[in-house]
Amino acid sequence: MGILEVKKLNLRINGKHILHDVSLDVWEGHVHALVGTNGAGKSTLASAIMGLEGYRGVTGDIFLMEKTSMI
């Protein structure tokens, strides 16, 4: 298990589907990069994982260092 795992994360804001079934694994000791064009959802994904205000209407699972946060 990685230090961060995201499984089937979905986010709707104002009825618009912003993130759809996003999954990722982040492993200790590895270099990771999240790349994409403007508007692809990189910052939105980070905000949803952090649980920032306005990004709390997500569904899916987030595992941080083997601790589960069922959203």
PDB file of N, CA and C in Angstrom:
ATOM      1  N   MET A   1       0.845  -1.184   0.000  1.00  0.00           N
ATOM      2  CA  MET A   1       0.000   0.000   0.000  1.00  0.00           C
ATOM      3  C   MET A   1       0.889   1.246   0.000  1.00  0.00           C
ATOM      4  N   GLY A   2       0.522   2.231  -0.795  1.00  0.00           N
ATOM      5  CA  GLY A   2       1.267   3.474  -0.875  1.00  0.00           C
ATOM      6  C   GLY A   2       0.994   4.375   0.317  1.00  0.00           C
ATOM      7  N   ILE A   3       1.711   5.483   0.391  1.00  0.00           N
ATOM      8  CA  ILE A   3       1.468   6.427   1.482  1.00  0.00           C
ATOM      9  C   ILE A   3       0.185   7.218   1.244  1.00  0.00           C
ATOM     10  N   LEU A   4      -0.240   7.309  -0.012  1.00  0.00           N
ATOM     11  CA  LEU A   4      -1.516   7.937  -0.359  1.00  0.00           C
ATOM     12  C   LEU A   4      -2.150   7.129  -1.482  1.00  0.00           C
ATOM     13  N   GLU A   5      -3.398   6.711  -1.253  1.00  0.00           N
ATOM     14  CA  GLU A   5      -4.154   6.034  -2.299  1.00  0.00           C
ATOM     15  C   GLU A   5      -5.514   6.702  -2.425  1.00  0.00           C
ATOM     16  N   VAL A   6      -5.887   6.979  -3.639  1.00  0.00           N
ATOM     17  CA  VAL A   6      -7.197   7.552  -3.943  1.00  0.00           C
ATOM     18  C   VAL A   6      -7.909   6.562  -4.846  1.00  0.00           C
ATOM     19  N   LYS A   7      -9.128   6.190  -4.482  1.00  0.00           N
ATOM     20  CA  LYS A   7      -9.871   5.190  -5.241  1.00  0.00           C
ATOM     21  C   LYS A   7     -11.233   5.744  -5.661  1.00  0.00           C
ATOM     22  N   LYS A   8     -11.445   5.812  -6.954  1.00  0.00           N
ATOM     23  CA  LYS A   8     -12.729   6.190  -7.551  1.00  0.00           C
ATOM     24  C   LYS A   8     -13.293   7.484  -6.966  1.00  0.00           C
ATOM     25  N   LEU A   9     -12.472   8.517  -6.956  1.00  0.00           N
ATOM     26  CA  LEU A   9     -12.881   9.820  -6.442  1.00  0.00           C
ATOM     27  C   LEU A   9     -13.741  10.531  -7.476  1.00  0.00           C
ATOM     28  N   ASN A  10     -14.884  11.020  -7.052  1.00  0.00           N
ATOM     29  CA  ASN A  10     -15.807  11.766  -7.906  1.00  0.00           C
ATOM     30  C   ASN A  10     -16.140  13.081  -7.214  1.00  0.00           C
ATOM     31  N   LEU A  11     -16.300  14.133  -7.998  1.00  0.00           N
ATOM     32  CA  LEU A  11     -16.647  15.443  -7.447  1.00  0.00           C
ATOM     33  C   LEU A  11     -17.603  16.149  -8.386  1.00  0.00           C
ATOM     34  N   ARG A  12     -18.688  16.633  -7.825  1.00  0.00           N
ATOM     35  CA  ARG A  12     -19.642  17.473  -8.555  1.00  0.00           C
ATOM     36  C   ARG A  12     -19.696  18.823  -7.862  1.00  0.00           C
ATOM     37  N   ILE A  13     -19.602  19.883  -8.647  1.00  0.00           N
ATOM     38  CA  ILE A  13     -19.751  21.239  -8.133  1.00  0.00           C
ATOM     39  C   ILE A  13     -20.828  21.914  -8.951  1.00  0.00           C
ATOM     40  N   ASN A  14     -21.851  22.422  -8.256  1.00  0.00           N
ATOM     41  CA  ASN A  14     -22.998  23.066  -8.914  1.00  0.00           C
ATOM     42  C   ASN A  14     -23.596  22.169  -9.997  1.00  0.00           C
ATOM     43  N   GLY A  15     -23.675  20.879  -9.708  1.00  0.00           N
ATOM     44  CA  GLY A  15     -24.275  19.934 -10.651  1.00  0.00           C
ATOM     45  C   GLY A  15     -23.370  19.500 -11.787  1.00  0.00           C
ATOM     46  N   LYS A  16     -22.178  20.070 -11.884  1.00  0.00           N
ATOM     47  CA  LYS A  16     -21.250  19.721 -12.965  1.00  0.00           C
ATOM     48  C   LYS A  16     -20.247  18.683 -12.465  1.00  0.00           C
ATOM     49  N   HIS A  17     -20.093  17.602 -13.223  1.00  0.00           N
ATOM     50  CA  HIS A  17     -19.163  16.533 -12.854  1.00  0.00           C
ATOM     51  C   HIS A  17     -17.740  16.998 -13.167  1.00  0.00           C
ATOM     52  N   ILE A  18     -16.951  17.295 -12.123  1.00  0.00           N
ATOM     53  CA  ILE A  18     -15.612  17.842 -12.282  1.00  0.00           C
ATOM     54  C   ILE A  18     -14.555  16.729 -12.320  1.00  0.00           C
ATOM     55  N   LEU A  19     -14.625  15.805 -11.364  1.00  0.00           N
ATOM     56  CA  LEU A  19     -13.718  14.655 -11.321  1.00  0.00           C
ATOM     57  C   LEU A  19     -14.547  13.389 -11.448  1.00  0.00           C
ATOM     58  N   HIS A  20     -14.089  12.448 -12.271  1.00  0.00           N
ATOM     59  CA  HIS A  20     -14.855  11.225 -12.511  1.00  0.00           C
ATOM     60  C   HIS A  20     -13.969   9.993 -12.346  1.00  0.00           C
ATOM     61  N   ASP A  21     -14.231   9.216 -11.291  1.00  0.00           N
ATOM     62  CA  ASP A  21     -13.531   7.948 -11.022  1.00  0.00           C
ATOM     63  C   ASP A  21     -12.014   8.077 -11.068  1.00  0.00           C
ATOM     64  N   VAL A  22     -11.474   9.073 -10.363  1.00  0.00           N
ATOM     65  CA  VAL A  22     -10.024   9.274 -10.325  1.00  0.00           C
ATOM     66  C   VAL A  22      -9.415   8.335  -9.284  1.00  0.00           C
ATOM     67  N   SER A  23      -8.401   7.597  -9.683  1.00  0.00           N
ATOM     68  CA  SER A  23      -7.666   6.720  -8.766  1.00  0.00           C
ATOM     69  C   SER A  23      -6.174   6.968  -8.956  1.00  0.00           C
ATOM     70  N   LEU A  24      -5.431   6.934  -7.841  1.00  0.00           N
ATOM     71  CA  LEU A  24      -3.981   7.079  -7.929  1.00  0.00           C
ATOM     72  C   LEU A  24      -3.333   6.491  -6.690  1.00  0.00           C
ATOM     73  N   ASP A  25      -2.083   6.100  -6.820  1.00  0.00           N
ATOM     74  CA  ASP A  25      -1.267   5.598  -5.717  1.00  0.00           C
ATOM     75  C   ASP A  25       0.018   6.410  -5.668  1.00  0.00           C
ATOM     76  N   VAL A  26       0.390   6.858  -4.482  1.00  0.00           N
ATOM     77  CA  VAL A  26       1.637   7.588  -4.282  1.00  0.00           C
ATOM     78  C   VAL A  26       2.498   6.745  -3.337  1.00  0.00           C
ATOM     79  N   TRP A  27       3.690   6.393  -3.799  1.00  0.00           N
ATOM     80  CA  TRP A  27       4.568   5.494  -3.053  1.00  0.00           C
ATOM     81  C   TRP A  27       5.742   6.253  -2.452  1.00  0.00           C
ATOM     82  N   GLU A  28       6.096   5.909  -1.237  1.00  0.00           N
ATOM     83  CA  GLU A  28       7.251   6.495  -0.565  1.00  0.00           C
ATOM     84  C   GLU A  28       8.523   6.142  -1.332  1.00  0.00           C
ATOM     85  N   GLY A  29       9.408   7.125  -1.481  1.00  0.00           N
ATOM     86  CA  GLY A  29      10.674   6.907  -2.145  1.00  0.00           C
ATOM     87  C   GLY A  29      10.614   6.994  -3.655  1.00  0.00           C
ATOM     88  N   HIS A  30       9.462   7.352  -4.211  1.00  0.00           N
ATOM     89  CA  HIS A  30       9.302   7.491  -5.653  1.00  0.00           C
ATOM     90  C   HIS A  30       8.966   8.936  -5.986  1.00  0.00           C
ATOM     91  N   VAL A  31       9.307   9.359  -7.171  1.00  0.00           N
ATOM     92  CA  VAL A  31       8.953  10.686  -7.649  1.00  0.00           C
ATOM     93  C   VAL A  31       7.672  10.559  -8.462  1.00  0.00           C
ATOM     94  N   HIS A  32       6.691  11.415  -8.160  1.00  0.00           N
ATOM     95  CA  HIS A  32       5.410  11.401  -8.859  1.00  0.00           C
ATOM     96  C   HIS A  32       5.145  12.773  -9.456  1.00  0.00           C
ATOM     97  N   ALA A  33       4.444  12.801 -10.565  1.00  0.00           N
ATOM     98  CA  ALA A  33       4.050  14.072 -11.185  1.00  0.00           C
ATOM     99  C   ALA A  33       2.627  13.948 -11.679  1.00  0.00           C
ATOM    100  N   LEU A  34       1.867  14.990 -11.476  1.00  0.00           N
ATOM    101  CA  LEU A  34       0.503  15.067 -11.988  1.00  0.00           C
ATOM    102  C   LEU A  34       0.515  16.161 -13.048  1.00  0.00           C
ATOM    103  N   VAL A  35       0.337  15.772 -14.294  1.00  0.00           N
ATOM    104  CA  VAL A  35       0.432  16.728 -15.388  1.00  0.00           C
ATOM    105  C   VAL A  35      -0.861  16.740 -16.183  1.00  0.00           C
ATOM    106  N   GLY A  36      -1.116  17.866 -16.806  1.00  0.00           N
ATOM    107  CA  GLY A  36      -2.283  18.007 -17.655  1.00  0.00           C
ATOM    108  C   GLY A  36      -2.432  19.449 -18.091  1.00  0.00           C
ATOM    109  N   THR A  37      -3.308  19.652 -19.032  1.00  0.00           N
ATOM    110  CA  THR A  37      -3.548  21.003 -19.548  1.00  0.00           C
ATOM    111  C   THR A  37      -4.299  21.839 -18.521  1.00  0.00           C
ATOM    112  N   ASN A  38      -4.358  23.147 -18.763  1.00  0.00           N
ATOM    113  CA  ASN A  38      -5.163  24.026 -17.911  1.00  0.00           C
ATOM    114  C   ASN A  38      -6.593  23.525 -17.892  1.00  0.00           C
ATOM    115  N   GLY A  39      -7.161  23.473 -16.703  1.00  0.00           N
ATOM    116  CA  GLY A  39      -8.545  23.044 -16.571  1.00  0.00           C
ATOM    117  C   GLY A  39      -8.740  21.544 -16.527  1.00  0.00           C
ATOM    118  N   ALA A  40      -7.652  20.783 -16.469  1.00  0.00           N
ATOM    119  CA  ALA A  40      -7.766  19.322 -16.459  1.00  0.00           C
ATOM    120  C   ALA A  40      -8.206  18.780 -15.099  1.00  0.00           C
ATOM    121  N   GLY A  41      -8.038  19.560 -14.020  1.00  0.00           N
ATOM    122  CA  GLY A  41      -8.487  19.134 -12.702  1.00  0.00           C
ATOM    123  C   GLY A  41      -7.382  18.836 -11.706  1.00  0.00           C
ATOM    124  N   LYS A  42      -6.158  19.202 -12.000  1.00  0.00           N
ATOM    125  CA  LYS A  42      -5.031  18.924 -11.102  1.00  0.00           C
ATOM    126  C   LYS A  42      -5.212  19.606  -9.740  1.00  0.00           C
ATOM    127  N   SER A  43      -5.456  20.892  -9.743  1.00  0.00           N
ATOM    128  CA  SER A  43      -5.639  21.634  -8.489  1.00  0.00           C
ATOM    129  C   SER A  43      -6.928  21.213  -7.797  1.00  0.00           C
ATOM    130  N   THR A  44      -7.944  20.930  -8.564  1.00  0.00           N
ATOM    131  CA  THR A  44      -9.214  20.469  -7.997  1.00  0.00           C
ATOM    132  C   THR A  44      -9.022  19.143  -7.286  1.00  0.00           C
ATOM    133  N   LEU A  45      -8.266  18.236  -7.881  1.00  0.00           N
ATOM    134  CA  LEU A  45      -7.983  16.954  -7.248  1.00  0.00           C
ATOM    135  C   LEU A  45      -7.246  17.162  -5.922  1.00  0.00           C
ATOM    136  N   ALA A  46      -6.218  18.008  -5.918  1.00  0.00           N
ATOM    137  CA  ALA A  46      -5.472  18.285  -4.688  1.00  0.00           C
ATOM    138  C   ALA A  46      -6.386  18.894  -3.626  1.00  0.00           C
ATOM    139  N   SER A  47      -7.241  19.817  -4.005  1.00  0.00           N
ATOM    140  CA  SER A  47      -8.152  20.461  -3.061  1.00  0.00           C
ATOM    141  C   SER A  47      -9.145  19.460  -2.489  1.00  0.00           C
ATOM    142  N   ALA A  48      -9.639  18.559  -3.317  1.00  0.00           N
ATOM    143  CA  ALA A  48     -10.587  17.537  -2.867  1.00  0.00           C
ATOM    144  C   ALA A  48      -9.908  16.568  -1.899  1.00  0.00           C
ATOM    145  N   ILE A  49      -8.683  16.157  -2.191  1.00  0.00           N
ATOM    146  CA  ILE A  49      -7.953  15.246  -1.304  1.00  0.00           C
ATOM    147  C   ILE A  49      -7.726  15.905   0.050  1.00  0.00           C
ATOM    148  N   MET A  50      -7.417  17.211   0.046  1.00  0.00           N
ATOM    149  CA  MET A  50      -7.178  17.934   1.298  1.00  0.00           C
ATOM    150  C   MET A  50      -8.467  18.264   2.030  1.00  0.00           C
ATOM    151  N   GLY A  51      -9.614  18.127   1.374  1.00  0.00           N
ATOM    152  CA  GLY A  51     -10.887  18.413   2.015  1.00  0.00           C
ATOM    153  C   GLY A  51     -11.153  19.886   2.203  1.00  0.00           C
ATOM    154  N   LEU A  52     -10.631  20.704   1.303  1.00  0.00           N
ATOM    155  CA  LEU A  52     -10.836  22.143   1.420  1.00  0.00           C
ATOM    156  C   LEU A  52     -12.308  22.509   1.228  1.00  0.00           C
ATOM    157  N   GLU A  53     -12.698  23.610   1.841  1.00  0.00           N
ATOM    158  CA  GLU A  53     -14.062  24.107   1.715  1.00  0.00           C
ATOM    159  C   GLU A  53     -14.424  24.287   0.242  1.00  0.00           C
ATOM    160  N   GLY A  54     -15.602  23.845  -0.118  1.00  0.00           N
ATOM    161  CA  GLY A  54     -16.050  23.922  -1.496  1.00  0.00           C
ATOM    162  C   GLY A  54     -15.711  22.676  -2.293  1.00  0.00           C
ATOM    163  N   TYR A  55     -14.881  21.808  -1.720  1.00  0.00           N
ATOM    164  CA  TYR A  55     -14.471  20.569  -2.396  1.00  0.00           C
ATOM    165  C   TYR A  55     -14.791  19.348  -1.542  1.00  0.00           C
ATOM    166  N   ARG A  56     -15.788  19.483  -0.675  1.00  0.00           N
ATOM    167  CA  ARG A  56     -16.105  18.395   0.246  1.00  0.00           C
ATOM    168  C   ARG A  56     -17.214  17.488  -0.260  1.00  0.00           C
ATOM    169  N   GLY A  57     -17.810  17.807  -1.401  1.00  0.00           N
ATOM    170  CA  GLY A  57     -18.890  16.991  -1.943  1.00  0.00           C
ATOM    171  C   GLY A  57     -18.364  15.866  -2.815  1.00  0.00           C
ATOM    172  N   VAL A  58     -17.349  15.167  -2.331  1.00  0.00           N
ATOM    173  CA  VAL A  58     -16.737  14.113  -3.129  1.00  0.00           C
ATOM    174  C   VAL A  58     -17.195  12.748  -2.644  1.00  0.00           C
ATOM    175  N   THR A  59     -17.128  11.780  -3.525  1.00  0.00           N
ATOM    176  CA  THR A  59     -17.355  10.389  -3.156  1.00  0.00           C
ATOM    177  C   THR A  59     -16.110   9.604  -3.542  1.00  0.00           C
ATOM    178  N   GLY A  60     -15.897   8.511  -2.884  1.00  0.00           N
ATOM    179  CA  GLY A  60     -14.735   7.666  -3.129  1.00  0.00           C
ATOM    180  C   GLY A  60     -13.998   7.416  -1.833  1.00  0.00           C
ATOM    181  N   ASP A  61     -12.821   6.841  -1.938  1.00  0.00           N
ATOM    182  CA  ASP A  61     -12.014   6.509  -0.758  1.00  0.00           C
ATOM    183  C   ASP A  61     -10.642   7.161  -0.865  1.00  0.00           C
ATOM    184  N   ILE A  62     -10.161   7.641   0.280  1.00  0.00           N
ATOM    185  CA  ILE A  62      -8.815   8.172   0.373  1.00  0.00           C
ATOM    186  C   ILE A  62      -8.136   7.454   1.531  1.00  0.00           C
ATOM    187  N   PHE A  63      -6.994   6.832   1.232  1.00  0.00           N
ATOM    188  CA  PHE A  63      -6.206   6.146   2.248  1.00  0.00           C
ATOM    189  C   PHE A  63      -4.899   6.915   2.398  1.00  0.00           C
ATOM    190  N   LEU A  64      -4.648   7.411   3.601  1.00  0.00           N
ATOM    191  CA  LEU A  64      -3.426   8.145   3.881  1.00  0.00           C
ATOM    192  C   LEU A  64      -2.629   7.365   4.913  1.00  0.00           C
ATOM    193  N   MET A  65      -1.484   6.839   4.496  1.00  0.00           N
ATOM    194  CA  MET A  65      -0.631   6.033   5.369  1.00  0.00           C
ATOM    195  C   MET A  65      -1.445   4.965   6.093  1.00  0.00           C
ATOM    196  N   GLU A  66      -2.250   4.237   5.298  1.00  0.00           N
ATOM    197  CA  GLU A  66      -3.053   3.107   5.748  1.00  0.00           C
ATOM    198  C   GLU A  66      -4.225   3.489   6.636  1.00  0.00           C
ATOM    199  N   LYS A  67      -4.558   4.775   6.745  1.00  0.00           N
ATOM    200  CA  LYS A  67      -5.748   5.201   7.470  1.00  0.00           C
ATOM    201  C   LYS A  67      -6.802   5.552   6.445  1.00  0.00           C
ATOM    202  N   THR A  68      -8.032   5.103   6.662  1.00  0.00           N
ATOM    203  CA  THR A  68      -9.099   5.278   5.695  1.00  0.00           C
ATOM    204  C   THR A  68      -9.921   6.507   6.020  1.00  0.00           C
ATOM    205  N   SER A  69     -10.224   7.277   4.980  1.00  0.00           N
ATOM    206  CA  SER A  69     -11.195   8.360   5.071  1.00  0.00           C
ATOM    207  C   SER A  69     -12.253   8.078   4.043  1.00  0.00           C
ATOM    208  N   MET A  70     -13.373   7.554   4.483  1.00  0.00           N
ATOM    209  CA  MET A  70     -14.468   7.263   3.556  1.00  0.00           C
ATOM    210  C   MET A  70     -15.240   8.559   3.375  1.00  0.00           C
ATOM    211  N   ILE A  71     -15.275   9.024   2.161  1.00  0.00           N
ATOM    212  CA  ILE A  71     -15.900  10.310   1.882  1.00  0.00           C
ATOM    213  C   ILE A  71     -17.322  10.084   1.440  1.00  0.00           C
TER     214      ILE A  71
END
